[in-house]
Amino acid sequence: MIFKKKYLLLTFFLIVIIQILLITNNKQRVSLRYLKWTVKEVSIGKLISISFISCLFISTFLNTTITGYKKNTF
């Protein structure tokens, strides 16, 4: 159990460090177009970090929802 907590904590810190490096090192800017709207220029590092964090939260939410649903049905 202690090993799992240390492994999880280490993984979390590595993810945070990688995300910080992505934000600081990628200064290139890109403008996004969504249908007919143009979003102002955003750095690629911020874009990668935002997409990673949002996907992480969505997958965690779906995983806990599906796991809770399976526990209630059996």
PDB file of N, CA and C in Angstrom:
ATOM      1  N   MET A   1       0.819  -1.194   0.000  1.00  0.00           N
ATOM      2  CA  MET A   1       0.000   0.000   0.000  1.00  0.00           C
ATOM      3  C   MET A   1       0.861   1.254   0.000  1.00  0.00           C
ATOM      4  N   ILE A   2       1.918   1.241   0.780  1.00  0.00           N
ATOM      5  CA  ILE A   2       2.810   2.395   0.834  1.00  0.00           C
ATOM      6  C   ILE A   2       3.502   2.577  -0.513  1.00  0.00           C
ATOM      7  N   PHE A   3       3.860   1.447  -1.159  1.00  0.00           N
ATOM      8  CA  PHE A   3       4.504   1.517  -2.470  1.00  0.00           C
ATOM      9  C   PHE A   3       3.586   2.166  -3.493  1.00  0.00           C
ATOM     10  N   LYS A   4       2.298   1.840  -3.456  1.00  0.00           N
ATOM     11  CA  LYS A   4       1.345   2.419  -4.405  1.00  0.00           C
ATOM     12  C   LYS A   4       1.223   3.924  -4.209  1.00  0.00           C
ATOM     13  N   LYS A   5       1.207   4.371  -2.961  1.00  0.00           N
ATOM     14  CA  LYS A   5       1.107   5.804  -2.700  1.00  0.00           C
ATOM     15  C   LYS A   5       2.348   6.539  -3.179  1.00  0.00           C
ATOM     16  N   LYS A   6       3.521   5.955  -2.948  1.00  0.00           N
ATOM     17  CA  LYS A   6       4.755   6.583  -3.403  1.00  0.00           C
ATOM     18  C   LYS A   6       4.815   6.619  -4.921  1.00  0.00           C
ATOM     19  N   TYR A   7       4.392   5.537  -5.560  1.00  0.00           N
ATOM     20  CA  TYR A   7       4.383   5.472  -7.018  1.00  0.00           C
ATOM     21  C   TYR A   7       3.419   6.501  -7.597  1.00  0.00           C
ATOM     22  N   LEU A   8       2.241   6.626  -7.002  1.00  0.00           N
ATOM     23  CA  LEU A   8       1.251   7.589  -7.454  1.00  0.00           C
ATOM     24  C   LEU A   8       1.753   9.015  -7.260  1.00  0.00           C
ATOM     25  N   LEU A   9       2.379   9.296  -6.132  1.00  0.00           N
ATOM     26  CA  LEU A   9       2.921  10.620  -5.867  1.00  0.00           C
ATOM     27  C   LEU A   9       4.059  10.965  -6.824  1.00  0.00           C
ATOM     28  N   LEU A  10       4.930  10.008  -7.085  1.00  0.00           N
ATOM     29  CA  LEU A  10       6.020  10.219  -8.031  1.00  0.00           C
ATOM     30  C   LEU A  10       5.485  10.492  -9.443  1.00  0.00           C
ATOM     31  N   THR A  11       4.504   9.735  -9.857  1.00  0.00           N
ATOM     32  CA  THR A  11       3.893   9.929 -11.163  1.00  0.00           C
ATOM     33  C   THR A  11       3.249  11.309 -11.264  1.00  0.00           C
ATOM     34  N   PHE A  12       2.560  11.713 -10.214  1.00  0.00           N
ATOM     35  CA  PHE A  12       1.925  13.028 -10.200  1.00  0.00           C
ATOM     36  C   PHE A  12       2.962  14.143 -10.328  1.00  0.00           C
ATOM     37  N   PHE A  13       4.053  14.059  -9.581  1.00  0.00           N
ATOM     38  CA  PHE A  13       5.092  15.090  -9.669  1.00  0.00           C
ATOM     39  C   PHE A  13       5.759  15.113 -11.037  1.00  0.00           C
ATOM     40  N   LEU A  14       5.968  13.957 -11.645  1.00  0.00           N
ATOM     41  CA  LEU A  14       6.545  13.923 -12.987  1.00  0.00           C
ATOM     42  C   LEU A  14       5.618  14.579 -14.006  1.00  0.00           C
ATOM     43  N   ILE A  15       4.340  14.322 -13.887  1.00  0.00           N
ATOM     44  CA  ILE A  15       3.373  14.941 -14.799  1.00  0.00           C
ATOM     45  C   ILE A  15       3.374  16.455 -14.631  1.00  0.00           C
ATOM     46  N   VAL A  16       3.401  16.914 -13.387  1.00  0.00           N
ATOM     47  CA  VAL A  16       3.408  18.354 -13.133  1.00  0.00           C
ATOM     48  C   VAL A  16       4.675  18.992 -13.696  1.00  0.00           C
ATOM     49  N   ILE A  17       5.819  18.365 -13.500  1.00  0.00           N
ATOM     50  CA  ILE A  17       7.078  18.908 -14.011  1.00  0.00           C
ATOM     51  C   ILE A  17       7.070  18.966 -15.538  1.00  0.00           C
ATOM     52  N   ILE A  18       6.591  17.912 -16.175  1.00  0.00           N
ATOM     53  CA  ILE A  18       6.534  17.892 -17.637  1.00  0.00           C
ATOM     54  C   ILE A  18       5.598  18.979 -18.157  1.00  0.00           C
ATOM     55  N   GLN A  19       4.455  19.166 -17.491  1.00  0.00           N
ATOM     56  CA  GLN A  19       3.515  20.203 -17.924  1.00  0.00           C
ATOM     57  C   GLN A  19       4.109  21.591 -17.755  1.00  0.00           C
ATOM     58  N   ILE A  20       4.837  21.823 -16.674  1.00  0.00           N
ATOM     59  CA  ILE A  20       5.475  23.125 -16.466  1.00  0.00           C
ATOM     60  C   ILE A  20       6.524  23.377 -17.548  1.00  0.00           C
ATOM     61  N   LEU A  21       7.297  22.344 -17.877  1.00  0.00           N
ATOM     62  CA  LEU A  21       8.293  22.501 -18.937  1.00  0.00           C
ATOM     63  C   LEU A  21       7.648  22.779 -20.285  1.00  0.00           C
ATOM     64  N   LEU A  22       6.520  22.137 -20.549  1.00  0.00           N
ATOM     65  CA  LEU A  22       5.818  22.396 -21.811  1.00  0.00           C
ATOM     66  C   LEU A  22       5.325  23.838 -21.895  1.00  0.00           C
ATOM     67  N   ILE A  23       4.819  24.351 -20.798  1.00  0.00           N
ATOM     68  CA  ILE A  23       4.306  25.718 -20.808  1.00  0.00           C
ATOM     69  C   ILE A  23       5.437  26.718 -21.000  1.00  0.00           C
ATOM     70  N   THR A  24       6.554  26.488 -20.313  1.00  0.00           N
ATOM     71  CA  THR A  24       7.627  27.480 -20.364  1.00  0.00           C
ATOM     72  C   THR A  24       8.463  27.400 -21.637  1.00  0.00           C
ATOM     73  N   ASN A  25       8.622  26.220 -22.229  1.00  0.00           N
ATOM     74  CA  ASN A  25       9.520  26.069 -23.369  1.00  0.00           C
ATOM     75  C   ASN A  25       8.855  26.262 -24.723  1.00  0.00           C
ATOM     76  N   ASN A  26       7.576  26.090 -24.815  1.00  0.00           N
ATOM     77  CA  ASN A  26       6.898  26.236 -26.107  1.00  0.00           C
ATOM     78  C   ASN A  26       6.272  27.617 -26.214  1.00  0.00           C
ATOM     79  N   LYS A  27       7.013  28.529 -26.805  1.00  0.00           N
ATOM     80  CA  LYS A  27       6.542  29.909 -26.932  1.00  0.00           C
ATOM     81  C   LYS A  27       5.887  30.181 -28.285  1.00  0.00           C
ATOM     82  N   GLN A  28       5.873  29.197 -29.177  1.00  0.00           N
ATOM     83  CA  GLN A  28       5.235  29.413 -30.474  1.00  0.00           C
ATOM     84  C   GLN A  28       3.746  29.656 -30.262  1.00  0.00           C
ATOM     85  N   ARG A  29       3.207  30.538 -31.068  1.00  0.00           N
ATOM     86  CA  ARG A  29       1.794  30.862 -30.947  1.00  0.00           C
ATOM     87  C   ARG A  29       1.032  30.313 -32.140  1.00  0.00           C
ATOM     88  N   VAL A  30      -0.213  29.942 -31.884  1.00  0.00           N
ATOM     89  CA  VAL A  30      -1.073  29.411 -32.923  1.00  0.00           C
ATOM     90  C   VAL A  30      -2.466  29.997 -32.727  1.00  0.00           C
ATOM     91  N   SER A  31      -3.137  30.311 -33.815  1.00  0.00           N
ATOM     92  CA  SER A  31      -4.520  30.776 -33.715  1.00  0.00           C
ATOM     93  C   SER A  31      -5.432  29.634 -34.140  1.00  0.00           C
ATOM     94  N   LEU A  32      -6.437  29.411 -33.356  1.00  0.00           N
ATOM     95  CA  LEU A  32      -7.361  28.303 -33.608  1.00  0.00           C
ATOM     96  C   LEU A  32      -8.620  28.813 -34.290  1.00  0.00           C
ATOM     97  N   ARG A  33      -9.155  27.988 -35.138  1.00  0.00           N
ATOM     98  CA  ARG A  33     -10.427  28.306 -35.790  1.00  0.00           C
ATOM     99  C   ARG A  33     -11.417  27.206 -35.455  1.00  0.00           C
ATOM    100  N   TYR A  34     -12.555  27.624 -34.947  1.00  0.00           N
ATOM    101  CA  TYR A  34     -13.627  26.702 -34.615  1.00  0.00           C
ATOM    102  C   TYR A  34     -14.856  27.149 -35.394  1.00  0.00           C
ATOM    103  N   LEU A  35     -15.196  26.362 -36.396  1.00  0.00           N
ATOM    104  CA  LEU A  35     -16.230  26.711 -37.356  1.00  0.00           C
ATOM    105  C   LEU A  35     -15.898  28.082 -37.965  1.00  0.00           C
ATOM    106  N   LYS A  36     -16.656  29.108 -37.647  1.00  0.00           N
ATOM    107  CA  LYS A  36     -16.343  30.406 -38.246  1.00  0.00           C
ATOM    108  C   LYS A  36     -15.692  31.370 -37.263  1.00  0.00           C
ATOM    109  N   TRP A  37     -15.496  30.950 -36.011  1.00  0.00           N
ATOM    110  CA  TRP A  37     -14.870  31.804 -35.016  1.00  0.00           C
ATOM    111  C   TRP A  37     -13.365  31.577 -34.998  1.00  0.00           C
ATOM    112  N   THR A  38     -12.638  32.642 -34.782  1.00  0.00           N
ATOM    113  CA  THR A  38     -11.192  32.557 -34.647  1.00  0.00           C
ATOM    114  C   THR A  38     -10.829  32.924 -33.214  1.00  0.00           C
ATOM    115  N   VAL A  39     -10.183  32.005 -32.541  1.00  0.00           N
ATOM    116  CA  VAL A  39      -9.755  32.233 -31.168  1.00  0.00           C
ATOM    117  C   VAL A  39      -8.425  32.968 -31.216  1.00  0.00           C
ATOM    118  N   LYS A  40      -8.193  33.871 -30.265  1.00  0.00           N
ATOM    119  CA  LYS A  40      -6.941  34.622 -30.271  1.00  0.00           C
ATOM    120  C   LYS A  40      -5.761  33.662 -30.136  1.00  0.00           C
ATOM    121  N   GLU A  41      -4.600  34.149 -30.434  1.00  0.00           N
ATOM    122  CA  GLU A  41      -3.409  33.307 -30.450  1.00  0.00           C
ATOM    123  C   GLU A  41      -3.085  32.792 -29.053  1.00  0.00           C
ATOM    124  N   VAL A  42      -2.785  31.497 -28.997  1.00  0.00           N
ATOM    125  CA  VAL A  42      -2.468  30.818 -27.748  1.00  0.00           C
ATOM    126  C   VAL A  42      -1.153  30.086 -27.955  1.00  0.00           C
ATOM    127  N   SER A  43      -0.323  30.021 -26.914  1.00  0.00           N
ATOM    128  CA  SER A  43       0.934  29.296 -27.055  1.00  0.00           C
ATOM    129  C   SER A  43       0.658  27.790 -27.096  1.00  0.00           C
ATOM    130  N   ILE A  44       1.488  27.084 -27.791  1.00  0.00           N
ATOM    131  CA  ILE A  44       1.303  25.643 -27.959  1.00  0.00           C
ATOM    132  C   ILE A  44       1.447  24.921 -26.623  1.00  0.00           C
ATOM    133  N   GLY A  45       2.346  25.392 -25.756  1.00  0.00           N
ATOM    134  CA  GLY A  45       2.522  24.780 -24.440  1.00  0.00           C
ATOM    135  C   GLY A  45       1.258  24.854 -23.608  1.00  0.00           C
ATOM    136  N   LYS A  46       0.586  26.018 -23.621  1.00  0.00           N
ATOM    137  CA  LYS A  46      -0.669  26.152 -22.888  1.00  0.00           C
ATOM    138  C   LYS A  46      -1.735  25.256 -23.482  1.00  0.00           C
ATOM    139  N   LEU A  47      -1.776  25.172 -24.785  1.00  0.00           N
ATOM    140  CA  LEU A  47      -2.770  24.346 -25.458  1.00  0.00           C
ATOM    141  C   LEU A  47      -2.598  22.872 -25.102  1.00  0.00           C
ATOM    142  N   ILE A  48      -1.359  22.398 -25.093  1.00  0.00           N
ATOM    143  CA  ILE A  48      -1.092  21.005 -24.727  1.00  0.00           C
ATOM    144  C   ILE A  48      -1.460  20.752 -23.269  1.00  0.00           C
ATOM    145  N   SER A  49      -1.109  21.675 -22.389  1.00  0.00           N
ATOM    146  CA  SER A  49      -1.403  21.503 -20.965  1.00  0.00           C
ATOM    147  C   SER A  49      -2.902  21.514 -20.695  1.00  0.00           C
ATOM    148  N   ILE A  50      -3.615  22.425 -21.315  1.00  0.00           N
ATOM    149  CA  ILE A  50      -5.066  22.491 -21.118  1.00  0.00           C
ATOM    150  C   ILE A  50      -5.742  21.220 -21.623  1.00  0.00           C
ATOM    151  N   SER A  51      -5.331  20.741 -22.784  1.00  0.00           N
ATOM    152  CA  SER A  51      -5.946  19.528 -23.316  1.00  0.00           C
ATOM    153  C   SER A  51      -5.614  18.313 -22.458  1.00  0.00           C
ATOM    154  N   PHE A  52      -4.390  18.222 -21.948  1.00  0.00           N
ATOM    155  CA  PHE A  52      -4.017  17.091 -21.104  1.00  0.00           C
ATOM    156  C   PHE A  52      -4.807  17.090 -19.805  1.00  0.00           C
ATOM    157  N   ILE A  53      -4.881  18.240 -19.149  1.00  0.00           N
ATOM    158  CA  ILE A  53      -5.571  18.315 -17.861  1.00  0.00           C
ATOM    159  C   ILE A  53      -7.068  18.069 -18.027  1.00  0.00           C
ATOM    160  N   SER A  54      -7.675  18.614 -19.073  1.00  0.00           N
ATOM    161  CA  SER A  54      -9.106  18.387 -19.277  1.00  0.00           C
ATOM    162  C   SER A  54      -9.394  16.922 -19.593  1.00  0.00           C
ATOM    163  N   CYS A  55      -8.555  16.281 -20.383  1.00  0.00           N
ATOM    164  CA  CYS A  55      -8.750  14.858 -20.673  1.00  0.00           C
ATOM    165  C   CYS A  55      -8.537  14.006 -19.437  1.00  0.00           C
ATOM    166  N   LEU A  56      -7.594  14.389 -18.592  1.00  0.00           N
ATOM    167  CA  LEU A  56      -7.359  13.665 -17.348  1.00  0.00           C
ATOM    168  C   LEU A  56      -8.581  13.724 -16.442  1.00  0.00           C
ATOM    169  N   PHE A  57      -9.170  14.916 -16.291  1.00  0.00           N
ATOM    170  CA  PHE A  57     -10.357  15.052 -15.449  1.00  0.00           C
ATOM    171  C   PHE A  57     -11.555  14.316 -16.040  1.00  0.00           C
ATOM    172  N   ILE A  58     -11.737  14.401 -17.339  1.00  0.00           N
ATOM    173  CA  ILE A  58     -12.869  13.717 -17.972  1.00  0.00           C
ATOM    174  C   ILE A  58     -12.728  12.205 -17.842  1.00  0.00           C
ATOM    175  N   SER A  59     -11.529  11.673 -18.078  1.00  0.00           N
ATOM    176  CA  SER A  59     -11.345  10.222 -17.970  1.00  0.00           C
ATOM    177  C   SER A  59     -11.504   9.746 -16.529  1.00  0.00           C
ATOM    178  N   THR A  60     -11.042  10.545 -15.567  1.00  0.00           N
ATOM    179  CA  THR A  60     -11.224  10.182 -14.160  1.00  0.00           C
ATOM    180  C   THR A  60     -12.695  10.181 -13.794  1.00  0.00           C
ATOM    181  N   PHE A  61     -13.426  11.194 -14.233  1.00  0.00           N
ATOM    182  CA  PHE A  61     -14.857  11.264 -13.963  1.00  0.00           C
ATOM    183  C   PHE A  61     -15.599  10.075 -14.573  1.00  0.00           C
ATOM    184  N   LEU A  62     -15.301   9.761 -15.826  1.00  0.00           N
ATOM    185  CA  LEU A  62     -15.961   8.634 -16.482  1.00  0.00           C
ATOM    186  C   LEU A  62     -15.595   7.312 -15.825  1.00  0.00           C
ATOM    187  N   ASN A  63     -14.352   7.174 -15.427  1.00  0.00           N
ATOM    188  CA  ASN A  63     -13.916   5.940 -14.785  1.00  0.00           C
ATOM    189  C   ASN A  63     -14.629   5.732 -13.449  1.00  0.00           C
ATOM    190  N   THR A  64     -14.745   6.774 -12.639  1.00  0.00           N
ATOM    191  CA  THR A  64     -15.435   6.630 -11.351  1.00  0.00           C
ATOM    192  C   THR A  64     -16.929   6.422 -11.552  1.00  0.00           C
ATOM    193  N   THR A  65     -17.507   7.043 -12.564  1.00  0.00           N
ATOM    194  CA  THR A  65     -18.930   6.867 -12.835  1.00  0.00           C
ATOM    195  C   THR A  65     -19.225   5.444 -13.284  1.00  0.00           C
ATOM    196  N   ILE A  66     -18.424   4.935 -14.192  1.00  0.00           N
ATOM    197  CA  ILE A  66     -18.649   3.574 -14.693  1.00  0.00           C
ATOM    198  C   ILE A  66     -18.385   2.546 -13.604  1.00  0.00           C
ATOM    199  N   THR A  67     -17.352   2.749 -12.810  1.00  0.00           N
ATOM    200  CA  THR A  67     -17.051   1.831 -11.706  1.00  0.00           C
ATOM    201  C   THR A  67     -18.174   1.838 -10.684  1.00  0.00           C
ATOM    202  N   GLY A  68     -18.707   3.013 -10.360  1.00  0.00           N
ATOM    203  CA  GLY A  68     -19.828   3.108  -9.428  1.00  0.00           C
ATOM    204  C   GLY A  68     -21.070   2.449  -9.981  1.00  0.00           C
ATOM    205  N   TYR A  69     -21.294   2.567 -11.280  1.00  0.00           N
ATOM    206  CA  TYR A  69     -22.454   1.943 -11.910  1.00  0.00           C
ATOM    207  C   TYR A  69     -22.338   0.427 -11.868  1.00  0.00           C
ATOM    208  N   LYS A  70     -21.135  -0.101 -12.110  1.00  0.00           N
ATOM    209  CA  LYS A  70     -20.943  -1.544 -12.087  1.00  0.00           C
ATOM    210  C   LYS A  70     -21.110  -2.104 -10.689  1.00  0.00           C
ATOM    211  N   LYS A  71     -20.678  -1.389  -9.656  1.00  0.00           N
ATOM    212  CA  LYS A  71     -20.821  -1.856  -8.280  1.00  0.00           C
ATOM    213  C   LYS A  71     -22.289  -1.893  -7.876  1.00  0.00           C
ATOM    214  N   ASN A  72     -23.089  -0.966  -8.354  1.00  0.00           N
ATOM    215  CA  ASN A  72     -24.501  -0.913  -7.995  1.00  0.00           C
ATOM    216  C   ASN A  72     -25.330  -1.977  -8.707  1.00  0.00           C
ATOM    217  N   THR A  73     -24.892  -2.445  -9.865  1.00  0.00           N
ATOM    218  CA  THR A  73     -25.690  -3.408 -10.618  1.00  0.00           C
ATOM    219  C   THR A  73     -25.461  -4.836 -10.153  1.00  0.00           C
ATOM    220  N   PHE A  74     -24.329  -5.126  -9.518  1.00  0.00           N
ATOM    221  CA  PHE A  74     -24.085  -6.515  -9.110  1.00  0.00           C
ATOM    222  C   PHE A  74     -24.355  -6.722  -7.667  1.00  0.00           C
TER     223      PHE A  74
END
